[in-house]
Amino acid sequence: SLPSKQSLENTADALFKQASALWGNLYLLKDY
């Protein structure tokens, strides 16, 4: 049942990319 190290790292990379995109565009986005 242990996830693979690679799959965890891939998920983390994808999440980091999304978080970075959001953070870099906060000035363009409304809170709602």
PDB file of all heavy atoms in Angstrom:
ATOM      1  N   SER A   1       0.804  -1.222   0.000  1.00  0.00           N
ATOM      2  CA  SER A   1       0.000   0.000   0.000  1.00  0.00           C
ATOM      3  C   SER A   1       0.842   1.279   0.000  1.00  0.00           C
ATOM      4  O   SER A   1       0.298   2.368  -0.195  1.00  0.00           O
ATOM      5  CB  SER A   1      -0.942   0.018   1.199  1.00  0.00           C
ATOM      6  OG  SER A   1      -0.218   0.096   2.420  1.00  0.00           O
ATOM      7  N   LEU A   2       2.136   1.165   0.241  1.00  0.00           N
ATOM      8  CA  LEU A   2       2.994   2.346   0.232  1.00  0.00           C
ATOM      9  C   LEU A   2       3.056   2.945  -1.169  1.00  0.00           C
ATOM     10  O   LEU A   2       3.312   2.235  -2.136  1.00  0.00           O
ATOM     11  CB  LEU A   2       4.419   1.993   0.688  1.00  0.00           C
ATOM     12  CG  LEU A   2       4.666   1.761   2.180  1.00  0.00           C
ATOM     13  CD1 LEU A   2       6.129   1.403   2.412  1.00  0.00           C
ATOM     14  CD2 LEU A   2       4.304   2.991   2.997  1.00  0.00           C
ATOM     15  N   PRO A   3       2.819   4.242  -1.292  1.00  0.00           N
ATOM     16  CA  PRO A   3       2.964   4.871  -2.610  1.00  0.00           C
ATOM     17  C   PRO A   3       4.438   4.915  -3.015  1.00  0.00           C
ATOM     18  O   PRO A   3       5.327   4.886  -2.167  1.00  0.00           O
ATOM     19  CB  PRO A   3       2.407   6.276  -2.395  1.00  0.00           C
ATOM     20  CG  PRO A   3       2.600   6.536  -0.929  1.00  0.00           C
ATOM     21  CD  PRO A   3       2.458   5.211  -0.245  1.00  0.00           C
ATOM     22  N   SER A   4       4.672   4.986  -4.310  1.00  0.00           N
ATOM     23  CA  SER A   4       6.059   5.054  -4.760  1.00  0.00           C
ATOM     24  C   SER A   4       6.625   6.454  -4.512  1.00  0.00           C
ATOM     25  O   SER A   4       5.885   7.446  -4.513  1.00  0.00           O
ATOM     26  CB  SER A   4       6.165   4.707  -6.245  1.00  0.00           C
ATOM     27  OG  SER A   4       5.628   5.749  -7.034  1.00  0.00           O
ATOM     28  N   LYS A   5       7.918   6.509  -4.296  1.00  0.00           N
ATOM     29  CA  LYS A   5       8.581   7.790  -4.084  1.00  0.00           C
ATOM     30  C   LYS A   5       8.399   8.702  -5.292  1.00  0.00           C
ATOM     31  O   LYS A   5       8.138   9.905  -5.147  1.00  0.00           O
ATOM     32  CB  LYS A   5      10.069   7.553  -3.815  1.00  0.00           C
ATOM     33  CG  LYS A   5      10.847   8.825  -3.512  1.00  0.00           C
ATOM     34  CD  LYS A   5      12.303   8.516  -3.230  1.00  0.00           C
ATOM     35  CE  LYS A   5      13.084   9.790  -2.928  1.00  0.00           C
ATOM     36  NZ  LYS A   5      14.525   9.504  -2.688  1.00  0.00           N
ATOM     37  N   GLN A   6       8.495   8.114  -6.489  1.00  0.00           N
ATOM     38  CA  GLN A   6       8.383   8.899  -7.716  1.00  0.00           C
ATOM     39  C   GLN A   6       6.997   9.508  -7.865  1.00  0.00           C
ATOM     40  O   GLN A   6       6.856  10.679  -8.240  1.00  0.00           O
ATOM     41  CB  GLN A   6       8.694   8.017  -8.935  1.00  0.00           C
ATOM     42  CG  GLN A   6       8.828   8.800 -10.254  1.00  0.00           C
ATOM     43  CD  GLN A   6       9.937   9.813 -10.213  1.00  0.00           C
ATOM     44  OE1 GLN A   6      11.086   9.478  -9.923  1.00  0.00           O
ATOM     45  NE2 GLN A   6       9.627  11.079 -10.494  1.00  0.00           N
ATOM     46  N   SER A   7       5.945   8.722  -7.558  1.00  0.00           N
ATOM     47  CA  SER A   7       4.583   9.242  -7.706  1.00  0.00           C
ATOM     48  C   SER A   7       4.324  10.381  -6.734  1.00  0.00           C
ATOM     49  O   SER A   7       3.647  11.365  -7.076  1.00  0.00           O
ATOM     50  CB  SER A   7       3.566   8.117  -7.490  1.00  0.00           C
ATOM     51  OG  SER A   7       3.574   7.669  -6.143  1.00  0.00           O
ATOM     52  N   LEU A   8       4.859  10.294  -5.521  1.00  0.00           N
ATOM     53  CA  LEU A   8       4.719  11.374  -4.543  1.00  0.00           C
ATOM     54  C   LEU A   8       5.439  12.634  -5.010  1.00  0.00           C
ATOM     55  O   LEU A   8       4.909  13.750  -4.889  1.00  0.00           O
ATOM     56  CB  LEU A   8       5.261  10.931  -3.182  1.00  0.00           C
ATOM     57  CG  LEU A   8       4.431   9.911  -2.406  1.00  0.00           C
ATOM     58  CD1 LEU A   8       5.206   9.423  -1.191  1.00  0.00           C
ATOM     59  CD2 LEU A   8       3.102  10.505  -1.970  1.00  0.00           C
ATOM     60  N   GLU A   9       6.627  12.462  -5.535  1.00  0.00           N
ATOM     61  CA  GLU A   9       7.395  13.604  -6.024  1.00  0.00           C
ATOM     62  C   GLU A   9       6.717  14.247  -7.224  1.00  0.00           C
ATOM     63  O   GLU A   9       6.697  15.484  -7.360  1.00  0.00           O
ATOM     64  CB  GLU A   9       8.820  13.170  -6.363  1.00  0.00           C
ATOM     65  CG  GLU A   9       9.667  12.851  -5.131  1.00  0.00           C
ATOM     66  CD  GLU A   9      11.061  12.367  -5.481  1.00  0.00           C
ATOM     67  OE1 GLU A   9      11.260  11.952  -6.657  1.00  0.00           O
ATOM     68  OE2 GLU A   9      11.944  12.384  -4.599  1.00  0.00           O
ATOM     69  N   ASN A  10       6.145  13.436  -8.115  1.00  0.00           N
ATOM     70  CA  ASN A  10       5.432  13.972  -9.280  1.00  0.00           C
ATOM     71  C   ASN A  10       4.210  14.781  -8.842  1.00  0.00           C
ATOM     72  O   ASN A  10       3.931  15.862  -9.384  1.00  0.00           O
ATOM     73  CB  ASN A  10       4.995  12.845 -10.216  1.00  0.00           C
ATOM     74  CG  ASN A  10       6.170  12.191 -10.931  1.00  0.00           C
ATOM     75  OD1 ASN A  10       7.266  12.761 -10.999  1.00  0.00           O
ATOM     76  ND2 ASN A  10       5.963  10.989 -11.460  1.00  0.00           N
ATOM     77  N   THR A  11       3.466  14.242  -7.852  1.00  0.00           N
ATOM     78  CA  THR A  11       2.288  14.952  -7.330  1.00  0.00           C
ATOM     79  C   THR A  11       2.696  16.265  -6.677  1.00  0.00           C
ATOM     80  O   THR A  11       2.033  17.292  -6.843  1.00  0.00           O
ATOM     81  CB  THR A  11       1.536  14.070  -6.316  1.00  0.00           C
ATOM     82  OG1 THR A  11       1.158  12.848  -6.932  1.00  0.00           O
ATOM     83  CG2 THR A  11       0.281  14.771  -5.814  1.00  0.00           C
ATOM     84  N   ALA A  12       3.800  16.206  -5.924  1.00  0.00           N
ATOM     85  CA  ALA A  12       4.308  17.414  -5.267  1.00  0.00           C
ATOM     86  C   ALA A  12       4.731  18.461  -6.300  1.00  0.00           C
ATOM     87  O   ALA A  12       4.449  19.670  -6.126  1.00  0.00           O
ATOM     88  CB  ALA A  12       5.482  17.065  -4.362  1.00  0.00           C
ATOM     89  N   ASP A  13       5.376  18.041  -7.368  1.00  0.00           N
ATOM     90  CA  ASP A  13       5.818  18.968  -8.420  1.00  0.00           C
ATOM     91  C   ASP A  13       4.620  19.638  -9.086  1.00  0.00           C
ATOM     92  O   ASP A  13       4.625  20.857  -9.334  1.00  0.00           O
ATOM     93  CB  ASP A  13       6.646  18.228  -9.477  1.00  0.00           C
ATOM     94  CG  ASP A  13       8.021  17.806  -8.961  1.00  0.00           C
ATOM     95  OD1 ASP A  13       8.460  18.364  -7.918  1.00  0.00           O
ATOM     96  OD2 ASP A  13       8.652  16.929  -9.586  1.00  0.00           O
ATOM     97  N   ALA A  14       3.592  18.842  -9.385  1.00  0.00           N
ATOM     98  CA  ALA A  14       2.391  19.382 -10.031  1.00  0.00           C
ATOM     99  C   ALA A  14       1.688  20.375  -9.107  1.00  0.00           C
ATOM    100  O   ALA A  14       1.207  21.434  -9.558  1.00  0.00           O
ATOM    101  CB  ALA A  14       1.452  18.250 -10.419  1.00  0.00           C
ATOM    102  N   LEU A  15       1.625  20.060  -7.829  1.00  0.00           N
ATOM    103  CA  LEU A  15       0.976  20.938  -6.862  1.00  0.00           C
ATOM    104  C   LEU A  15       1.765  22.232  -6.682  1.00  0.00           C
ATOM    105  O   LEU A  15       1.178  23.315  -6.556  1.00  0.00           O
ATOM    106  CB  LEU A  15       0.853  20.201  -5.525  1.00  0.00           C
ATOM    107  CG  LEU A  15      -0.206  20.697  -4.547  1.00  0.00           C
ATOM    108  CD1 LEU A  15      -1.598  20.661  -5.174  1.00  0.00           C
ATOM    109  CD2 LEU A  15      -0.205  19.821  -3.284  1.00  0.00           C
ATOM    110  N   PHE A  16       3.087  22.095  -6.667  1.00  0.00           N
ATOM    111  CA  PHE A  16       3.938  23.279  -6.533  1.00  0.00           C
ATOM    112  C   PHE A  16       3.762  24.211  -7.726  1.00  0.00           C
ATOM    113  O   PHE A  16       3.738  25.447  -7.573  1.00  0.00           O
ATOM    114  CB  PHE A  16       5.402  22.856  -6.408  1.00  0.00           C
ATOM    115  CG  PHE A  16       6.346  23.995  -6.181  1.00  0.00           C
ATOM    116  CD1 PHE A  16       6.510  24.545  -4.907  1.00  0.00           C
ATOM    117  CD2 PHE A  16       7.064  24.558  -7.241  1.00  0.00           C
ATOM    118  CE1 PHE A  16       7.373  25.614  -4.691  1.00  0.00           C
ATOM    119  CE2 PHE A  16       7.929  25.622  -7.023  1.00  0.00           C
ATOM    120  CZ  PHE A  16       8.085  26.152  -5.752  1.00  0.00           C
ATOM    121  N   LYS A  17       3.608  23.630  -8.898  1.00  0.00           N
ATOM    122  CA  LYS A  17       3.406  24.421 -10.111  1.00  0.00           C
ATOM    123  C   LYS A  17       2.098  25.200 -10.039  1.00  0.00           C
ATOM    124  O   LYS A  17       2.052  26.394 -10.367  1.00  0.00           O
ATOM    125  CB  LYS A  17       3.416  23.491 -11.328  1.00  0.00           C
ATOM    126  CG  LYS A  17       3.432  24.213 -12.670  1.00  0.00           C
ATOM    127  CD  LYS A  17       3.577  23.186 -13.798  1.00  0.00           C
ATOM    128  CE  LYS A  17       3.686  23.896 -15.144  1.00  0.00           C
ATOM    129  NZ  LYS A  17       3.883  22.931 -16.252  1.00  0.00           N
ATOM    130  N   GLN A  18       1.033  24.534  -9.577  1.00  0.00           N
ATOM    131  CA  GLN A  18      -0.256  25.195  -9.435  1.00  0.00           C
ATOM    132  C   GLN A  18      -0.203  26.307  -8.387  1.00  0.00           C
ATOM    133  O   GLN A  18      -0.722  27.414  -8.611  1.00  0.00           O
ATOM    134  CB  GLN A  18      -1.334  24.175  -9.057  1.00  0.00           C
ATOM    135  CG  GLN A  18      -1.756  23.251 -10.193  1.00  0.00           C
ATOM    136  CD  GLN A  18      -2.919  22.381  -9.772  1.00  0.00           C
ATOM    137  OE1 GLN A  18      -2.868  21.732  -8.740  1.00  0.00           O
ATOM    138  NE2 GLN A  18      -3.960  22.351 -10.579  1.00  0.00           N
ATOM    139  N   ALA A  19       0.440  26.005  -7.251  1.00  0.00           N
ATOM    140  CA  ALA A  19       0.543  26.996  -6.183  1.00  0.00           C
ATOM    141  C   ALA A  19       1.338  28.212  -6.649  1.00  0.00           C
ATOM    142  O   ALA A  19       0.972  29.361  -6.352  1.00  0.00           O
ATOM    143  CB  ALA A  19       1.200  26.372  -4.953  1.00  0.00           C
ATOM    144  N   SER A  20       2.408  27.957  -7.382  1.00  0.00           N
ATOM    145  CA  SER A  20       3.239  29.050  -7.895  1.00  0.00           C
ATOM    146  C   SER A  20       2.468  29.914  -8.884  1.00  0.00           C
ATOM    147  O   SER A  20       2.594  31.152  -8.890  1.00  0.00           O
ATOM    148  CB  SER A  20       4.496  28.478  -8.564  1.00  0.00           C
ATOM    149  OG  SER A  20       5.286  27.756  -7.631  1.00  0.00           O
ATOM    150  N   ALA A  21       1.675  29.248  -9.748  1.00  0.00           N
ATOM    151  CA  ALA A  21       0.870  29.987 -10.722  1.00  0.00           C
ATOM    152  C   ALA A  21      -0.147  30.872 -10.012  1.00  0.00           C
ATOM    153  O   ALA A  21      -0.334  32.045 -10.395  1.00  0.00           O
ATOM    154  CB  ALA A  21       0.173  29.007 -11.659  1.00  0.00           C
ATOM    155  N   LEU A  22      -0.805  30.320  -8.992  1.00  0.00           N
ATOM    156  CA  LEU A  22      -1.764  31.122  -8.235  1.00  0.00           C
ATOM    157  C   LEU A  22      -1.088  32.304  -7.561  1.00  0.00           C
ATOM    158  O   LEU A  22      -1.561  33.444  -7.643  1.00  0.00           O
ATOM    159  CB  LEU A  22      -2.450  30.253  -7.172  1.00  0.00           C
ATOM    160  CG  LEU A  22      -3.671  29.441  -7.577  1.00  0.00           C
ATOM    161  CD1 LEU A  22      -4.157  28.619  -6.397  1.00  0.00           C
ATOM    162  CD2 LEU A  22      -4.793  30.359  -8.080  1.00  0.00           C
ATOM    163  N   TRP A  23       0.005  32.001  -6.863  1.00  0.00           N
ATOM    164  CA  TRP A  23       0.689  33.041  -6.090  1.00  0.00           C
ATOM    165  C   TRP A  23       1.199  34.168  -6.990  1.00  0.00           C
ATOM    166  O   TRP A  23       1.151  35.335  -6.612  1.00  0.00           O
ATOM    167  CB  TRP A  23       1.848  32.423  -5.303  1.00  0.00           C
ATOM    168  CG  TRP A  23       2.369  33.326  -4.232  1.00  0.00           C
ATOM    169  CD1 TRP A  23       3.461  34.137  -4.279  1.00  0.00           C
ATOM    170  CD2 TRP A  23       1.785  33.539  -2.948  1.00  0.00           C
ATOM    171  NE1 TRP A  23       3.597  34.829  -3.100  1.00  0.00           N
ATOM    172  CE2 TRP A  23       2.565  34.479  -2.264  1.00  0.00           C
ATOM    173  CE3 TRP A  23       0.643  33.003  -2.310  1.00  0.00           C
ATOM    174  CZ2 TRP A  23       2.274  34.901  -0.975  1.00  0.00           C
ATOM    175  CZ3 TRP A  23       0.353  33.434  -1.025  1.00  0.00           C
ATOM    176  CH2 TRP A  23       1.172  34.366  -0.369  1.00  0.00           C
ATOM    177  N   GLY A  24       1.668  33.789  -8.159  1.00  0.00           N
ATOM    178  CA  GLY A  24       2.206  34.798  -9.078  1.00  0.00           C
ATOM    179  C   GLY A  24       1.146  35.644  -9.757  1.00  0.00           C
ATOM    180  O   GLY A  24       1.478  36.663 -10.388  1.00  0.00           O
ATOM    181  N   ASN A  25      -0.094  35.220  -9.660  1.00  0.00           N
ATOM    182  CA  ASN A  25      -1.166  35.951 -10.324  1.00  0.00           C
ATOM    183  C   ASN A  25      -2.233  36.472  -9.359  1.00  0.00           C
ATOM    184  O   ASN A  25      -3.331  36.834  -9.797  1.00  0.00           O
ATOM    185  CB  ASN A  25      -1.829  35.059 -11.383  1.00  0.00           C
ATOM    186  CG  ASN A  25      -0.937  34.821 -12.590  1.00  0.00           C
ATOM    187  OD1 ASN A  25      -0.890  35.630 -13.526  1.00  0.00           O
ATOM    188  ND2 ASN A  25      -0.202  33.707 -12.561  1.00  0.00           N
ATOM    189  N   LEU A  26      -1.910  36.492  -8.066  1.00  0.00           N
ATOM    190  CA  LEU A  26      -2.889  36.960  -7.087  1.00  0.00           C
ATOM    191  C   LEU A  26      -3.354  38.388  -7.372  1.00  0.00           C
ATOM    192  O   LEU A  26      -4.526  38.726  -7.109  1.00  0.00           O
ATOM    193  CB  LEU A  26      -2.304  36.878  -5.668  1.00  0.00           C
ATOM    194  CG  LEU A  26      -2.206  35.486  -5.039  1.00  0.00           C
ATOM    195  CD1 LEU A  26      -1.566  35.571  -3.648  1.00  0.00           C
ATOM    196  CD2 LEU A  26      -3.576  34.820  -4.930  1.00  0.00           C
ATOM    197  N   TYR A  27      -2.439  39.198  -7.890  1.00  0.00           N
ATOM    198  CA  TYR A  27      -2.798  40.598  -8.134  1.00  0.00           C
ATOM    199  C   TYR A  27      -3.847  40.739  -9.236  1.00  0.00           C
ATOM    200  O   TYR A  27      -4.508  41.784  -9.352  1.00  0.00           O
ATOM    201  CB  TYR A  27      -1.546  41.417  -8.479  1.00  0.00           C
ATOM    202  CG  TYR A  27      -0.939  41.103  -9.828  1.00  0.00           C
ATOM    203  CD1 TYR A  27      -1.202  41.908 -10.928  1.00  0.00           C
ATOM    204  CD2 TYR A  27      -0.117  39.995 -10.003  1.00  0.00           C
ATOM    205  CE1 TYR A  27      -0.659  41.623 -12.183  1.00  0.00           C
ATOM    206  CE2 TYR A  27       0.441  39.707 -11.230  1.00  0.00           C
ATOM    207  CZ  TYR A  27       0.165  40.529 -12.315  1.00  0.00           C
ATOM    208  OH  TYR A  27       0.719  40.264 -13.544  1.00  0.00           O
ATOM    209  N   LEU A  28      -3.994  39.699 -10.065  1.00  0.00           N
ATOM    210  CA  LEU A  28      -4.969  39.736 -11.137  1.00  0.00           C
ATOM    211  C   LEU A  28      -6.294  39.083 -10.751  1.00  0.00           C
ATOM    212  O   LEU A  28      -7.286  39.224 -11.476  1.00  0.00           O
ATOM    213  CB  LEU A  28      -4.417  39.030 -12.387  1.00  0.00           C
ATOM    214  CG  LEU A  28      -3.186  39.642 -13.040  1.00  0.00           C
ATOM    215  CD1 LEU A  28      -2.686  38.738 -14.167  1.00  0.00           C
ATOM    216  CD2 LEU A  28      -3.519  41.046 -13.592  1.00  0.00           C
ATOM    217  N   LEU A  29      -6.278  38.333  -9.646  1.00  0.00           N
ATOM    218  CA  LEU A  29      -7.449  37.543  -9.262  1.00  0.00           C
ATOM    219  C   LEU A  29      -8.237  38.206  -8.138  1.00  0.00           C
ATOM    220  O   LEU A  29      -7.666  38.880  -7.277  1.00  0.00           O
ATOM    221  CB  LEU A  29      -7.023  36.140  -8.817  1.00  0.00           C
ATOM    222  CG  LEU A  29      -6.290  35.288  -9.860  1.00  0.00           C
ATOM    223  CD1 LEU A  29      -5.707  34.033  -9.207  1.00  0.00           C
ATOM    224  CD2 LEU A  29      -7.238  34.906 -10.995  1.00  0.00           C
ATOM    225  N   LYS A  30      -9.561  38.028  -8.179  1.00  0.00           N
ATOM    226  CA  LYS A  30     -10.440  38.507  -7.125  1.00  0.00           C
ATOM    227  C   LYS A  30     -10.605  37.399  -6.067  1.00  0.00           C
ATOM    228  O   LYS A  30     -10.545  36.214  -6.386  1.00  0.00           O
ATOM    229  CB  LYS A  30     -11.811  38.898  -7.684  1.00  0.00           C
ATOM    230  CG  LYS A  30     -11.758  39.883  -8.839  1.00  0.00           C
ATOM    231  CD  LYS A  30     -11.181  41.232  -8.382  1.00  0.00           C
ATOM    232  CE  LYS A  30     -11.248  42.239  -9.563  1.00  0.00           C
ATOM    233  NZ  LYS A  30     -10.622  43.539  -9.166  1.00  0.00           N
ATOM    234  N   ASP A  31     -10.826  37.803  -4.812  1.00  0.00           N
ATOM    235  CA  ASP A  31     -10.985  36.818  -3.730  1.00  0.00           C
ATOM    236  C   ASP A  31     -12.158  35.883  -3.955  1.00  0.00           C
ATOM    237  O   ASP A  31     -12.152  34.745  -3.483  1.00  0.00           O
ATOM    238  CB  ASP A  31     -11.159  37.532  -2.390  1.00  0.00           C
ATOM    239  CG  ASP A  31      -9.838  38.049  -1.831  1.00  0.00           C
ATOM    240  OD1 ASP A  31      -8.779  37.682  -2.386  1.00  0.00           O
ATOM    241  OD2 ASP A  31      -9.878  38.794  -0.830  1.00  0.00           O
ATOM    242  N   TYR A  32     -13.162  36.340  -4.648  1.00  0.00           N
ATOM    243  CA  TYR A  32     -14.359  35.528  -4.845  1.00  0.00           C
ATOM    244  C   TYR A  32     -14.253  34.598  -6.036  1.00  0.00           C
ATOM    245  O   TYR A  32     -15.110  33.721  -6.241  1.00  0.00           O
ATOM    246  CB  TYR A  32     -15.589  36.422  -4.997  1.00  0.00           C
ATOM    247  CG  TYR A  32     -15.515  37.399  -6.152  1.00  0.00           C
ATOM    248  CD1 TYR A  32     -15.794  37.009  -7.460  1.00  0.00           C
ATOM    249  CD2 TYR A  32     -15.184  38.732  -5.926  1.00  0.00           C
ATOM    250  CE1 TYR A  32     -15.725  37.918  -8.514  1.00  0.00           C
ATOM    251  CE2 TYR A  32     -15.092  39.642  -6.972  1.00  0.00           C
ATOM    252  CZ  TYR A  32     -15.385  39.215  -8.260  1.00  0.00           C
ATOM    253  OH  TYR A  32     -15.289  40.128  -9.295  1.00  0.00           O
TER     254      TYR A  32
END
